[in-house]
Amino acid sequence: MALVRKGSRRIVVDGTVYRWRLRGRPTYFQGLTWSPCTYAVEHAHTPGMTLVVTTDQPHPSNWIGREAEPVLPSSVASAVRLALSKGWTPTAPGSAFHFDQSAGFTPFH
């Protein structure tokens, strides 16, 4: 699964270049704040296994108007480092590596 280039941002983590992307429009469940915001990261030059990070925040464009912190490059860099320590191999082929950081997320009901 390769990231769509349009809307992706470049980030350098410990000398390695990655691209990351947050969906511009939330999914149905994210729009209703039933599920947290997610974003994807891949190696910029040799895309392989995509990292999918689940945050503990609602999507910034949710439809309920629930306040959300923006996804910052520093958070992305931190997630990349943690995922690498948990076994994510960005240049290896394979399915997405899911990294769940959603502890503390409370869905809106």
C-alpha atoms as a PDB file:
ATOM      1  CA  MET A   1       0.000   0.000   0.000  1.00  0.00           C
ATOM      2  CA  ALA A   2       1.745   3.159  -1.169  1.00  0.00           C
ATOM      3  CA  LEU A   3       0.910   6.598   0.136  1.00  0.00           C
ATOM      4  CA  VAL A   4      -0.715   9.058  -2.209  1.00  0.00           C
ATOM      5  CA  ARG A   5       1.872  11.749  -2.895  1.00  0.00           C
ATOM      6  CA  LYS A   6      -0.679  14.555  -3.021  1.00  0.00           C
ATOM      7  CA  GLY A   7      -1.093  15.957   0.451  1.00  0.00           C
ATOM      8  CA  SER A   8       1.823  14.027   1.940  1.00  0.00           C
ATOM      9  CA  ARG A   9       4.514  15.780   3.929  1.00  0.00           C
ATOM     10  CA  ARG A  10       8.231  15.088   4.102  1.00  0.00           C
ATOM     11  CA  ILE A  11       9.883  14.417   7.453  1.00  0.00           C
ATOM     12  CA  VAL A  12      13.443  13.440   8.365  1.00  0.00           C
ATOM     13  CA  VAL A  13      13.801  11.191  11.409  1.00  0.00           C
ATOM     14  CA  ASP A  14      17.325  10.360  12.555  1.00  0.00           C
ATOM     15  CA  GLY A  15      18.709  10.998   9.063  1.00  0.00           C
ATOM     16  CA  THR A  16      16.105   8.945   7.183  1.00  0.00           C
ATOM     17  CA  VAL A  17      13.540  10.632   4.935  1.00  0.00           C
ATOM     18  CA  TYR A  18       9.885   9.582   5.264  1.00  0.00           C
ATOM     19  CA  ARG A  19       6.589  10.838   3.900  1.00  0.00           C
ATOM     20  CA  TRP A  20       3.480  11.022   6.057  1.00  0.00           C
ATOM     21  CA  ARG A  21      -0.137  11.850   5.376  1.00  0.00           C
ATOM     22  CA  LEU A  22      -3.277  12.525   7.354  1.00  0.00           C
ATOM     23  CA  ARG A  23      -6.597  12.046   5.587  1.00  0.00           C
ATOM     24  CA  GLY A  24      -8.017  15.453   4.706  1.00  0.00           C
ATOM     25  CA  ARG A  25     -11.565  14.267   5.242  1.00  0.00           C
ATOM     26  CA  PRO A  26     -12.398  11.984   8.141  1.00  0.00           C
ATOM     27  CA  THR A  27     -13.931   8.556   7.694  1.00  0.00           C
ATOM     28  CA  TYR A  28     -17.567   8.248   8.786  1.00  0.00           C
ATOM     29  CA  PHE A  29     -16.593   6.953  12.226  1.00  0.00           C
ATOM     30  CA  GLN A  30     -13.871   9.605  12.623  1.00  0.00           C
ATOM     31  CA  GLY A  31     -16.312  12.327  11.542  1.00  0.00           C
ATOM     32  CA  LEU A  32     -18.686  11.333  14.332  1.00  0.00           C
ATOM     33  CA  THR A  33     -15.693  10.960  16.710  1.00  0.00           C
ATOM     34  CA  TRP A  34     -16.516   7.303  17.301  1.00  0.00           C
ATOM     35  CA  SER A  35     -12.949   6.384  16.342  1.00  0.00           C
ATOM     36  CA  PRO A  36      -9.662   8.306  16.643  1.00  0.00           C
ATOM     37  CA  CYS A  37      -7.593  10.001  13.984  1.00  0.00           C
ATOM     38  CA  THR A  38      -5.056   7.929  12.050  1.00  0.00           C
ATOM     39  CA  TYR A  39      -2.193   8.818   9.735  1.00  0.00           C
ATOM     40  CA  ALA A  40       0.198   6.869   7.523  1.00  0.00           C
ATOM     41  CA  VAL A  41       3.992   7.009   7.179  1.00  0.00           C
ATOM     42  CA  GLU A  42       6.288   5.405   4.605  1.00  0.00           C
ATOM     43  CA  HIS A  43       9.956   5.504   3.618  1.00  0.00           C
ATOM     44  CA  ALA A  44      10.327   8.270   1.031  1.00  0.00           C
ATOM     45  CA  HIS A  45      12.735   6.558  -1.354  1.00  0.00           C
ATOM     46  CA  THR A  46      12.003   2.833  -0.915  1.00  0.00           C
ATOM     47  CA  PRO A  47       8.362   2.475   0.104  1.00  0.00           C
ATOM     48  CA  GLY A  48       7.573  -0.924   1.551  1.00  0.00           C
ATOM     49  CA  MET A  49       5.671  -1.578   4.742  1.00  0.00           C
ATOM     50  CA  THR A  50       3.419   1.398   5.548  1.00  0.00           C
ATOM     51  CA  LEU A  51       3.128   2.501   9.158  1.00  0.00           C
ATOM     52  CA  VAL A  52      -0.459   3.289  10.200  1.00  0.00           C
ATOM     53  CA  VAL A  53      -0.592   5.225  13.471  1.00  0.00           C
ATOM     54  CA  THR A  54      -3.802   5.466  15.486  1.00  0.00           C
ATOM     55  CA  THR A  55      -3.699   8.564  17.702  1.00  0.00           C
ATOM     56  CA  ASP A  56      -5.560   9.345  20.913  1.00  0.00           C
ATOM     57  CA  GLN A  57      -7.233  12.403  19.336  1.00  0.00           C
ATOM     58  CA  PRO A  58     -10.361  12.905  17.252  1.00  0.00           C
ATOM     59  CA  HIS A  59      -9.839  13.852  13.600  1.00  0.00           C
ATOM     60  CA  PRO A  60      -9.273  17.634  13.354  1.00  0.00           C
ATOM     61  CA  SER A  61     -12.068  17.890  10.739  1.00  0.00           C
ATOM     62  CA  ASN A  62     -14.667  15.944  12.726  1.00  0.00           C
ATOM     63  CA  TRP A  63     -18.313  16.895  12.172  1.00  0.00           C
ATOM     64  CA  ILE A  64     -19.240  17.216  15.849  1.00  0.00           C
ATOM     65  CA  GLY A  65     -16.963  20.167  16.513  1.00  0.00           C
ATOM     66  CA  ARG A  66     -15.035  18.214  19.121  1.00  0.00           C
ATOM     67  CA  GLU A  67     -11.721  19.899  19.870  1.00  0.00           C
ATOM     68  CA  ALA A  68      -8.687  18.076  18.531  1.00  0.00           C
ATOM     69  CA  GLU A  69      -4.965  18.648  18.759  1.00  0.00           C
ATOM     70  CA  PRO A  70      -3.257  18.851  15.363  1.00  0.00           C
ATOM     71  CA  VAL A  71      -0.892  16.072  14.331  1.00  0.00           C
ATOM     72  CA  LEU A  72       2.524  17.684  14.638  1.00  0.00           C
ATOM     73  CA  PRO A  73       5.733  16.584  12.898  1.00  0.00           C
ATOM     74  CA  SER A  74       7.293  16.042  16.340  1.00  0.00           C
ATOM     75  CA  SER A  75       4.521  13.522  17.139  1.00  0.00           C
ATOM     76  CA  VAL A  76       5.072  11.778  13.805  1.00  0.00           C
ATOM     77  CA  ALA A  77       8.835  11.568  14.453  1.00  0.00           C
ATOM     78  CA  SER A  78       8.210  10.136  17.920  1.00  0.00           C
ATOM     79  CA  ALA A  79       5.781   7.535  16.533  1.00  0.00           C
ATOM     80  CA  VAL A  80       8.292   6.550  13.819  1.00  0.00           C
ATOM     81  CA  ARG A  81      11.027   6.005  16.427  1.00  0.00           C
ATOM     82  CA  LEU A  82       8.712   3.943  18.643  1.00  0.00           C
ATOM     83  CA  ALA A  83       7.418   1.872  15.729  1.00  0.00           C
ATOM     84  CA  LEU A  84      10.975   1.152  14.582  1.00  0.00           C
ATOM     85  CA  SER A  85      11.793  -0.076  18.099  1.00  0.00           C
ATOM     86  CA  LYS A  86       8.668  -2.313  17.959  1.00  0.00           C
ATOM     87  CA  GLY A  87       9.715  -3.976  14.713  1.00  0.00           C
ATOM     88  CA  TRP A  88       8.477  -1.791  11.873  1.00  0.00           C
ATOM     89  CA  THR A  89      10.735  -2.287   8.831  1.00  0.00           C
ATOM     90  CA  PRO A  90       9.813   0.547   6.441  1.00  0.00           C
ATOM     91  CA  THR A  91      11.679  -0.734   3.374  1.00  0.00           C
ATOM     92  CA  ALA A  92      10.570  -4.376   3.685  1.00  0.00           C
ATOM     93  CA  PRO A  93       7.617  -5.533   1.606  1.00  0.00           C
ATOM     94  CA  GLY A  94       4.515  -6.480   3.502  1.00  0.00           C
ATOM     95  CA  SER A  95       1.167  -5.365   4.773  1.00  0.00           C
ATOM     96  CA  ALA A  96       0.689  -2.274   6.902  1.00  0.00           C
ATOM     97  CA  PHE A  97       2.265  -2.101  10.350  1.00  0.00           C
ATOM     98  CA  HIS A  98      -0.420  -0.865  12.752  1.00  0.00           C
ATOM     99  CA  PHE A  99       0.817   1.168  15.700  1.00  0.00           C
ATOM    100  CA  ASP A 100      -1.894   1.943  18.243  1.00  0.00           C
ATOM    101  CA  GLN A 101      -1.413   5.018  20.422  1.00  0.00           C
ATOM    102  CA  SER A 102      -5.119   5.459  21.132  1.00  0.00           C
ATOM    103  CA  ALA A 103      -5.039   4.764  24.880  1.00  0.00           C
ATOM    104  CA  GLY A 104      -7.130   7.460  26.511  1.00  0.00           C
ATOM    105  CA  PHE A 105      -9.334   8.191  23.487  1.00  0.00           C
ATOM    106  CA  THR A 106     -12.998   8.477  24.463  1.00  0.00           C
ATOM    107  CA  PRO A 107     -15.497   8.162  21.627  1.00  0.00           C
ATOM    108  CA  PHE A 108     -18.413  10.600  21.470  1.00  0.00           C
ATOM    109  CA  HIS A 109     -21.814   8.977  22.010  1.00  0.00           C
END
